[in-house]
Amino acid sequence: MDTKRLRRMLAAAGLALGMGMAGAALTAGTVGHTLPTDFPAIMDASLAKPVIGFGAAGPVTRTPVIFLHGNHDTPFPTACSVYGRMQAMAQFLADEGGYATSELWGLGDQGDQCDLGSNQMLRSGIAHTHAANVPDLRRFVLAVMAYTGAKQVDIVGHSMGVTLAREWMRQDEA
């Protein structure tokens, strides 16, 4: 698939998600709520626990796509964050773009958000900064590449996910 078509599909996915109408037909499988059991545990240094995310084992024929959510969000809905729309966008690419679930990955770089209800000060804490999350993103990208055998990944970000990816690329170029 060419980049122009991928951009159009992602724009359509964003529109569909904004209207609450993610694709209905599941042709490539269901994008899950977990990482594969044999995927290496990536520790979130600022939260002192493994990152959350999604991905799947299986053959990879396309460049894997990593989805990065915005600030105070998660890659999929959790008990403490009802948003998590990056998983729905990944599902759209599986349903409408023919991506395998093994080619679609999501990183939750700020935990499950359950700690925010008891301590709102955490919203401005280290876990919600680029300083904390660039190293987590770097480790996650390298782990996805090693796990899938891919030489590169594509990143789709929303809000802080965009600036996080830019900061990671800026640091890696320096």
Protein backbone atom coordinates (compact mmCIF):
# COMPACT_ATOMS: atom_id res chain seq x y z
CA MET A 1 0.00 0.00 0.00
CA ASP A 2 1.39 3.38 -0.90
CA THR A 3 1.80 6.18 1.64
CA LYS A 4 -0.91 8.32 0.04
CA ARG A 5 -3.49 5.53 0.38
CA LEU A 6 -2.41 4.83 3.96
CA ARG A 7 -2.87 8.52 4.84
CA ARG A 8 -6.35 8.51 3.30
CA MET A 9 -7.26 5.37 5.24
CA LEU A 10 -5.99 6.84 8.51
CA ALA A 11 -7.93 10.05 7.86
CA ALA A 12 -11.06 7.97 7.21
CA ALA A 13 -10.37 5.95 10.36
CA GLY A 14 -10.06 9.13 12.38
CA LEU A 15 -13.34 10.39 10.94
CA ALA A 16 -15.07 7.07 11.62
CA LEU A 17 -13.73 6.97 15.17
CA GLY A 18 -14.74 10.55 15.79
CA MET A 19 -18.25 9.65 14.69
CA GLY A 20 -18.20 6.40 16.68
CA MET A 21 -18.42 4.18 13.59
CA ALA A 22 -15.40 1.90 13.51
CA GLY A 23 -15.50 -0.80 10.79
CA ALA A 24 -17.91 -3.64 11.47
CA ALA A 25 -16.52 -6.52 9.45
CA LEU A 26 -13.56 -8.31 10.99
CA THR A 27 -11.50 -9.68 8.14
CA ALA A 28 -7.98 -9.87 9.53
CA GLY A 29 -8.74 -10.82 13.11
CA THR A 30 -9.37 -8.86 16.24
CA VAL A 31 -6.79 -6.45 17.62
CA GLY A 32 -6.37 -7.47 21.25
CA HIS A 33 -5.72 -5.77 24.58
CA THR A 34 -2.38 -7.37 25.37
CA LEU A 35 1.08 -7.94 24.04
CA PRO A 36 2.05 -11.48 22.97
CA THR A 37 3.07 -13.70 25.87
CA ASP A 38 6.52 -14.22 24.35
CA PHE A 39 7.06 -10.50 23.67
CA PRO A 40 9.81 -9.06 25.91
CA ALA A 41 8.58 -7.13 28.94
CA ILE A 42 9.37 -3.44 28.47
CA MET A 43 9.65 -1.77 31.86
CA ASP A 44 8.22 1.71 32.23
CA ALA A 45 11.01 3.34 34.19
CA SER A 46 8.83 6.15 35.59
CA LEU A 47 6.04 3.82 36.75
CA ALA A 48 8.28 0.87 37.75
CA LYS A 49 6.05 -1.66 36.01
CA PRO A 50 5.74 -3.14 32.51
CA VAL A 51 4.20 -0.97 29.80
CA ILE A 52 0.76 -1.89 28.56
CA GLY A 53 0.01 -2.27 24.90
CA PHE A 54 -1.25 -4.50 22.15
CA GLY A 55 0.26 -6.58 19.40
CA ALA A 56 0.09 -10.12 18.10
CA ALA A 57 2.30 -12.98 17.05
CA GLY A 58 2.24 -14.07 13.44
CA PRO A 59 3.73 -13.45 10.04
CA VAL A 60 4.55 -9.88 9.01
CA THR A 61 4.52 -8.90 5.34
CA ARG A 62 4.12 -5.13 5.75
CA THR A 63 5.94 -2.56 7.81
CA PRO A 64 4.55 -2.86 11.36
CA VAL A 65 2.56 0.14 12.60
CA ILE A 66 2.95 1.38 16.18
CA PHE A 67 0.13 3.51 17.58
CA LEU A 68 0.88 6.14 20.23
CA HIS A 69 -1.95 7.67 22.24
CA GLY A 70 -2.24 11.17 23.64
CA ASN A 71 -1.57 12.43 27.15
CA HIS A 72 -3.68 10.95 29.97
CA ASP A 73 -4.89 8.14 27.71
CA THR A 74 -4.28 4.46 27.05
CA PRO A 75 -3.91 2.47 23.81
CA PHE A 76 -7.21 0.64 24.50
CA PRO A 77 -10.03 1.18 26.99
CA THR A 78 -9.17 0.16 30.56
CA ALA A 79 -11.15 0.10 33.78
CA CYS A 80 -9.85 3.61 34.49
CA SER A 81 -9.70 5.12 30.98
CA VAL A 82 -12.71 4.66 28.73
CA TYR A 83 -11.04 6.26 25.72
CA GLY A 84 -8.20 4.18 24.29
CA ARG A 85 -9.19 4.74 20.67
CA MET A 86 -5.81 3.78 19.16
CA GLN A 87 -6.87 0.14 19.30
CA ALA A 88 -10.01 1.02 17.32
CA MET A 89 -7.87 2.75 14.68
CA ALA A 90 -5.65 -0.34 14.49
CA GLN A 91 -8.80 -2.47 14.10
CA PHE A 92 -9.89 -0.24 11.22
CA LEU A 93 -6.59 -0.95 9.44
CA ALA A 94 -7.10 -4.67 10.03
CA ASP A 95 -10.68 -4.56 8.76
CA GLU A 96 -10.39 -2.12 5.89
CA GLY A 97 -6.69 -2.07 5.03
CA GLY A 98 -5.94 -5.77 5.14
CA TYR A 99 -3.29 -5.45 7.85
CA ALA A 100 -2.59 -8.54 9.92
CA THR A 101 -2.97 -8.09 13.66
CA SER A 102 0.72 -9.08 13.90
CA GLU A 103 1.51 -5.86 12.02
CA LEU A 104 -0.41 -3.59 14.41
CA TRP A 105 1.07 -2.56 17.75
CA GLY A 106 0.14 -0.08 20.45
CA LEU A 107 2.21 1.32 23.30
CA GLY A 108 0.70 2.49 26.58
CA ASP A 109 3.44 4.70 27.92
CA GLN A 110 1.50 6.13 30.88
CA GLY A 111 0.08 3.03 32.57
CA ASP A 112 -3.58 2.10 32.88
CA GLN A 113 -4.45 5.52 34.40
CA CYS A 114 -5.97 3.95 37.55
CA ASP A 115 -3.57 5.91 39.73
CA LEU A 116 -4.95 9.25 38.50
CA GLY A 117 -8.25 8.90 40.37
CA SER A 118 -6.55 8.76 43.75
CA ASN A 119 -3.84 11.33 43.03
CA GLN A 120 -4.57 13.99 40.43
CA MET A 121 -1.08 15.44 40.93
CA LEU A 122 0.21 12.48 38.90
CA ARG A 123 -1.26 14.11 35.75
CA SER A 124 1.70 16.48 35.79
CA GLY A 125 4.16 13.89 37.06
CA ILE A 126 7.19 12.43 35.31
CA ALA A 127 5.17 9.57 33.74
CA HIS A 128 3.45 12.15 31.53
CA THR A 129 6.58 13.70 30.06
CA HIS A 130 8.76 13.11 27.04
CA ALA A 131 11.75 12.71 29.34
CA ALA A 132 10.18 9.60 30.83
CA ASN A 133 8.57 8.19 27.71
CA VAL A 134 11.18 8.57 24.95
CA PRO A 135 13.31 5.76 26.43
CA ASP A 136 10.19 3.56 26.77
CA LEU A 137 9.27 4.24 23.14
CA ARG A 138 12.81 3.50 21.98
CA ARG A 139 12.81 0.14 23.80
CA PHE A 140 9.34 -0.70 22.48
CA VAL A 141 10.22 0.11 18.85
CA LEU A 142 13.39 -1.99 19.05
CA ALA A 143 11.46 -4.86 20.65
CA VAL A 144 8.76 -4.76 17.95
CA MET A 145 11.42 -4.74 15.23
CA ALA A 146 13.24 -7.67 16.81
CA TYR A 147 10.03 -9.61 17.44
CA THR A 148 8.64 -9.11 13.91
CA GLY A 149 11.96 -9.16 12.05
CA ALA A 150 11.12 -5.77 10.51
CA LYS A 151 13.85 -3.32 9.56
CA GLN A 152 11.63 -0.32 10.34
CA VAL A 153 8.23 0.62 11.74
CA ASP A 154 5.64 3.26 10.95
CA ILE A 155 4.31 5.33 13.84
CA VAL A 156 0.81 6.78 14.05
CA GLY A 157 0.40 9.20 16.92
CA HIS A 158 -2.33 11.28 18.45
CA SER A 159 -1.67 14.48 20.40
CA MET A 160 1.25 13.82 22.78
CA GLY A 161 1.97 10.62 20.84
CA VAL A 162 2.97 12.78 17.87
CA THR A 163 5.34 14.96 19.85
CA LEU A 164 6.74 11.92 21.66
CA ALA A 165 7.62 10.29 18.33
CA ARG A 166 9.18 13.52 17.07
CA GLU A 167 11.28 13.89 20.22
CA TRP A 168 12.45 10.27 19.94
CA MET A 169 13.47 10.80 16.30
CA ARG A 170 15.19 14.11 17.17
CA GLN A 171 17.19 12.45 19.95
CA ASP A 172 18.15 9.50 17.76
CA GLU A 173 19.39 11.85 15.01
CA ALA A 174 21.55 13.82 17.46
